[in-house]
Amino acid sequence: MIAQAKPIFSNHYKVYINHTDAGGIVYHANHLTFFENCRRDWLTSLGFNGYFFDTDGTADGTDGQQGKLHFVVSRADLTYKLPLLVDDNLVVAITDVAKKSASLIMTQHIYRSDDDFNQGKVATIGVITLACVMNSEHGIRPCRLPMAFR
């Protein structure tokens, strides 16, 4: 595989025993955890406080409603190419972000090491859809992306 263009964001993580099954291989669901950690670190690097955004309902397209906006995973499509093992050093990257009116679709990759990252050897590919929702007195419902994401 040919190395990808520079990612939008990447970070280093380490595989610990609690990420693995009895054979020392990262349990399949924990790939989602690494993707989640990378997304949160990316949002933090942009100056956002994790996933929650206060709104006064005036300039963010929420039709005057107040509440907490946040992202929830509405779809996850993963392709496993190489095993991740206990004590592996990982590079987790966000390589693409597509914006829709009420969601973000992120393409993410996990590499086993800096060498694999530089050589383009992908261990896991994830396409994750994050829906923007609002918590209000009427429950949780979809809403438009905050202005900062448009």
C-alpha atoms as a PDB file:
ATOM      1  CA  MET A   1       0.000   0.000   0.000  1.00  0.00           C
ATOM      2  CA  ILE A   2       1.253   3.486  -0.841  1.00  0.00           C
ATOM      3  CA  ALA A   3       1.665   5.914   2.053  1.00  0.00           C
ATOM      4  CA  GLN A   4      -1.250   8.286   2.469  1.00  0.00           C
ATOM      5  CA  ALA A   5      -1.079  12.052   2.322  1.00  0.00           C
ATOM      6  CA  LYS A   6      -0.462  13.788   5.618  1.00  0.00           C
ATOM      7  CA  PRO A   7      -3.395  13.084   7.950  1.00  0.00           C
ATOM      8  CA  ILE A   8      -5.680  15.769   9.320  1.00  0.00           C
ATOM      9  CA  PHE A   9      -4.702  14.617  12.810  1.00  0.00           C
ATOM     10  CA  SER A  10      -2.755  11.722  14.298  1.00  0.00           C
ATOM     11  CA  ASN A  11      -1.668  10.641  17.748  1.00  0.00           C
ATOM     12  CA  HIS A  12       0.355   7.877  19.375  1.00  0.00           C
ATOM     13  CA  TYR A  13      -1.157   5.208  21.614  1.00  0.00           C
ATOM     14  CA  LYS A  14       0.098   2.009  23.231  1.00  0.00           C
ATOM     15  CA  VAL A  15      -1.661  -1.352  23.389  1.00  0.00           C
ATOM     16  CA  TYR A  16      -2.034  -2.583  26.970  1.00  0.00           C
ATOM     17  CA  ILE A  17      -3.115  -6.006  28.184  1.00  0.00           C
ATOM     18  CA  ASN A  18      -6.629  -4.707  28.950  1.00  0.00           C
ATOM     19  CA  HIS A  19      -7.101  -4.024  25.211  1.00  0.00           C
ATOM     20  CA  THR A  20      -6.429  -7.650  24.266  1.00  0.00           C
ATOM     21  CA  ASP A  21      -8.067 -11.047  24.320  1.00  0.00           C
ATOM     22  CA  ALA A  22      -6.491 -14.151  25.893  1.00  0.00           C
ATOM     23  CA  GLY A  23      -4.173 -14.501  22.890  1.00  0.00           C
ATOM     24  CA  GLY A  24      -2.651 -11.035  23.254  1.00  0.00           C
ATOM     25  CA  ILE A  25      -4.439  -9.671  20.164  1.00  0.00           C
ATOM     26  CA  VAL A  26      -6.470  -6.475  20.465  1.00  0.00           C
ATOM     27  CA  TYR A  27     -10.132  -7.388  20.887  1.00  0.00           C
ATOM     28  CA  HIS A  28     -12.069  -6.222  17.822  1.00  0.00           C
ATOM     29  CA  ALA A  29     -14.265  -3.712  19.688  1.00  0.00           C
ATOM     30  CA  ASN A  30     -11.206  -1.992  21.157  1.00  0.00           C
ATOM     31  CA  HIS A  31     -10.219  -0.744  17.710  1.00  0.00           C
ATOM     32  CA  LEU A  32     -13.246   1.540  18.132  1.00  0.00           C
ATOM     33  CA  THR A  33     -11.778   2.749  21.432  1.00  0.00           C
ATOM     34  CA  PHE A  34      -8.551   3.808  19.732  1.00  0.00           C
ATOM     35  CA  PHE A  35     -10.555   5.608  17.027  1.00  0.00           C
ATOM     36  CA  GLU A  36     -12.657   7.308  19.726  1.00  0.00           C
ATOM     37  CA  ASN A  37      -9.586   8.461  21.654  1.00  0.00           C
ATOM     38  CA  CYS A  38      -8.097   9.934  18.484  1.00  0.00           C
ATOM     39  CA  ARG A  39     -11.314  11.818  17.633  1.00  0.00           C
ATOM     40  CA  ARG A  40     -11.538  13.266  21.138  1.00  0.00           C
ATOM     41  CA  ASP A  41      -7.873  14.280  21.072  1.00  0.00           C
ATOM     42  CA  TRP A  42      -8.467  15.954  17.689  1.00  0.00           C
ATOM     43  CA  LEU A  43     -11.445  17.940  19.021  1.00  0.00           C
ATOM     44  CA  THR A  44      -9.415  18.957  22.077  1.00  0.00           C
ATOM     45  CA  SER A  45      -6.562  20.113  19.810  1.00  0.00           C
ATOM     46  CA  LEU A  46      -9.087  22.336  17.996  1.00  0.00           C
ATOM     47  CA  GLY A  47     -10.034  23.989  21.291  1.00  0.00           C
ATOM     48  CA  PHE A  48     -13.280  22.122  21.923  1.00  0.00           C
ATOM     49  CA  ASN A  49     -14.073  20.525  25.260  1.00  0.00           C
ATOM     50  CA  GLY A  50     -14.493  16.962  24.126  1.00  0.00           C
ATOM     51  CA  TYR A  51     -17.876  16.337  22.597  1.00  0.00           C
ATOM     52  CA  PHE A  52     -20.206  18.767  24.362  1.00  0.00           C
ATOM     53  CA  PHE A  53     -20.937  22.241  23.038  1.00  0.00           C
ATOM     54  CA  ASP A  54     -23.074  24.779  24.887  1.00  0.00           C
ATOM     55  CA  THR A  55     -25.463  26.706  22.698  1.00  0.00           C
ATOM     56  CA  ASP A  56     -27.566  29.764  23.294  1.00  0.00           C
ATOM     57  CA  GLY A  57     -29.617  28.977  20.208  1.00  0.00           C
ATOM     58  CA  THR A  58     -28.786  32.181  18.363  1.00  0.00           C
ATOM     59  CA  ALA A  59     -26.088  31.502  15.789  1.00  0.00           C
ATOM     60  CA  ASP A  60     -25.739  27.767  15.482  1.00  0.00           C
ATOM     61  CA  GLY A  61     -28.774  26.764  13.470  1.00  0.00           C
ATOM     62  CA  THR A  62     -30.669  25.220  16.363  1.00  0.00           C
ATOM     63  CA  ASP A  63     -33.741  27.391  15.815  1.00  0.00           C
ATOM     64  CA  GLY A  64     -33.470  29.269  19.088  1.00  0.00           C
ATOM     65  CA  GLN A  65     -33.336  26.202  21.309  1.00  0.00           C
ATOM     66  CA  GLN A  66     -30.931  25.923  24.173  1.00  0.00           C
ATOM     67  CA  GLY A  67     -29.178  22.785  25.260  1.00  0.00           C
ATOM     68  CA  LYS A  68     -26.059  20.703  24.890  1.00  0.00           C
ATOM     69  CA  LEU A  69     -24.954  19.658  21.440  1.00  0.00           C
ATOM     70  CA  HIS A  70     -22.802  16.576  21.165  1.00  0.00           C
ATOM     71  CA  PHE A  71     -21.777  13.834  18.791  1.00  0.00           C
ATOM     72  CA  VAL A  72     -22.885  10.209  18.899  1.00  0.00           C
ATOM     73  CA  VAL A  73     -21.629   7.405  16.690  1.00  0.00           C
ATOM     74  CA  SER A  74     -24.467   6.451  14.359  1.00  0.00           C
ATOM     75  CA  ARG A  75     -22.475   4.113  12.113  1.00  0.00           C
ATOM     76  CA  ALA A  76     -19.111   2.356  12.228  1.00  0.00           C
ATOM     77  CA  ASP A  77     -17.603   0.362   9.368  1.00  0.00           C
ATOM     78  CA  LEU A  78     -14.274  -1.299  10.204  1.00  0.00           C
ATOM     79  CA  THR A  79     -11.869  -3.286   8.063  1.00  0.00           C
ATOM     80  CA  TYR A  80      -9.212  -5.292   9.909  1.00  0.00           C
ATOM     81  CA  LYS A  81      -6.022  -5.828   7.878  1.00  0.00           C
ATOM     82  CA  LEU A  82      -3.268  -6.639  10.410  1.00  0.00           C
ATOM     83  CA  PRO A  83      -3.450  -7.754  14.053  1.00  0.00           C
ATOM     84  CA  LEU A  84      -2.645  -5.315  16.838  1.00  0.00           C
ATOM     85  CA  LEU A  85      -0.702  -6.972  19.651  1.00  0.00           C
ATOM     86  CA  VAL A  86      -0.047  -6.256  23.319  1.00  0.00           C
ATOM     87  CA  ASP A  87       2.757  -3.677  23.733  1.00  0.00           C
ATOM     88  CA  ASP A  88       2.440  -2.459  20.122  1.00  0.00           C
ATOM     89  CA  ASN A  89       2.967   1.252  19.624  1.00  0.00           C
ATOM     90  CA  LEU A  90       0.207   2.660  17.447  1.00  0.00           C
ATOM     91  CA  VAL A  91      -0.353   5.703  15.313  1.00  0.00           C
ATOM     92  CA  VAL A  92      -4.069   6.461  14.965  1.00  0.00           C
ATOM     93  CA  ALA A  93      -4.945   8.987  12.279  1.00  0.00           C
ATOM     94  CA  ILE A  94      -7.922  10.906  10.954  1.00  0.00           C
ATOM     95  CA  THR A  95      -7.373  11.048   7.203  1.00  0.00           C
ATOM     96  CA  ASP A  96     -10.637  12.557   5.965  1.00  0.00           C
ATOM     97  CA  VAL A  97     -13.665  14.377   7.367  1.00  0.00           C
ATOM     98  CA  ALA A  98     -16.802  14.838   5.261  1.00  0.00           C
ATOM     99  CA  LYS A  99     -19.395  17.286   6.563  1.00  0.00           C
ATOM    100  CA  LYS A 100     -23.129  16.845   6.165  1.00  0.00           C
ATOM    101  CA  SER A 101     -25.777  19.133   7.636  1.00  0.00           C
ATOM    102  CA  ALA A 102     -26.120  17.139  10.878  1.00  0.00           C
ATOM    103  CA  SER A 103     -23.176  14.727  10.819  1.00  0.00           C
ATOM    104  CA  LEU A 104     -19.480  14.213  10.251  1.00  0.00           C
ATOM    105  CA  ILE A 105     -18.137  11.173   8.408  1.00  0.00           C
ATOM    106  CA  MET A 106     -14.550  10.412   9.392  1.00  0.00           C
ATOM    107  CA  THR A 107     -12.097   8.049   7.794  1.00  0.00           C
ATOM    108  CA  GLN A 108      -9.551   6.821  10.298  1.00  0.00           C
ATOM    109  CA  HIS A 109      -6.570   4.470  10.151  1.00  0.00           C
ATOM    110  CA  ILE A 110      -4.578   2.559  12.750  1.00  0.00           C
ATOM    111  CA  TYR A 111      -0.927   1.741  12.096  1.00  0.00           C
ATOM    112  CA  ARG A 112       1.160  -0.529  14.349  1.00  0.00           C
ATOM    113  CA  SER A 113       4.171   1.774  14.559  1.00  0.00           C
ATOM    114  CA  ASP A 114       5.742   4.908  13.171  1.00  0.00           C
ATOM    115  CA  ASP A 115       7.507   2.726  10.599  1.00  0.00           C
ATOM    116  CA  ASP A 116       4.210   1.235   9.440  1.00  0.00           C
ATOM    117  CA  PHE A 117       2.686   4.730   9.375  1.00  0.00           C
ATOM    118  CA  ASN A 118       5.529   6.069   7.219  1.00  0.00           C
ATOM    119  CA  GLN A 119       5.336   3.034   4.932  1.00  0.00           C
ATOM    120  CA  GLY A 120       1.552   3.188   4.701  1.00  0.00           C
ATOM    121  CA  LYS A 121       0.985  -0.263   6.252  1.00  0.00           C
ATOM    122  CA  VAL A 122      -2.534   0.035   7.626  1.00  0.00           C
ATOM    123  CA  ALA A 123      -3.694  -2.324  10.389  1.00  0.00           C
ATOM    124  CA  THR A 124      -7.306  -1.083  10.619  1.00  0.00           C
ATOM    125  CA  ILE A 125      -9.489   1.232   8.541  1.00  0.00           C
ATOM    126  CA  GLY A 126     -12.587   2.799  10.048  1.00  0.00           C
ATOM    127  CA  VAL A 127     -15.293   4.946   8.506  1.00  0.00           C
ATOM    128  CA  ILE A 128     -17.209   6.443  11.415  1.00  0.00           C
ATOM    129  CA  THR A 129     -20.351   8.581  11.146  1.00  0.00           C
ATOM    130  CA  LEU A 130     -20.925  11.003  14.014  1.00  0.00           C
ATOM    131  CA  ALA A 131     -24.431  12.433  14.286  1.00  0.00           C
ATOM    132  CA  CYS A 132     -24.880  15.809  15.944  1.00  0.00           C
ATOM    133  CA  VAL A 133     -27.642  15.698  18.556  1.00  0.00           C
ATOM    134  CA  MET A 134     -29.052  18.023  21.185  1.00  0.00           C
ATOM    135  CA  ASN A 135     -30.038  17.188  24.730  1.00  0.00           C
ATOM    136  CA  SER A 136     -33.052  19.252  25.731  1.00  0.00           C
ATOM    137  CA  GLU A 137     -36.158  18.970  27.854  1.00  0.00           C
ATOM    138  CA  HIS A 138     -37.775  17.204  24.888  1.00  0.00           C
ATOM    139  CA  GLY A 139     -35.161  14.440  24.822  1.00  0.00           C
ATOM    140  CA  ILE A 140     -32.288  13.792  22.466  1.00  0.00           C
ATOM    141  CA  ARG A 141     -32.795  14.684  18.813  1.00  0.00           C
ATOM    142  CA  PRO A 142     -30.687  15.345  15.709  1.00  0.00           C
ATOM    143  CA  CYS A 143     -29.650  18.916  14.979  1.00  0.00           C
ATOM    144  CA  ARG A 144     -27.427  20.857  12.593  1.00  0.00           C
ATOM    145  CA  LEU A 145     -23.688  20.947  13.103  1.00  0.00           C
ATOM    146  CA  PRO A 146     -22.410  23.831  15.226  1.00  0.00           C
ATOM    147  CA  MET A 147     -21.165  26.790  13.184  1.00  0.00           C
ATOM    148  CA  ALA A 148     -17.575  25.918  14.085  1.00  0.00           C
ATOM    149  CA  PHE A 149     -17.893  22.710  12.028  1.00  0.00           C
ATOM    150  CA  ARG A 150     -19.559  24.126   8.932  1.00  0.00           C
END
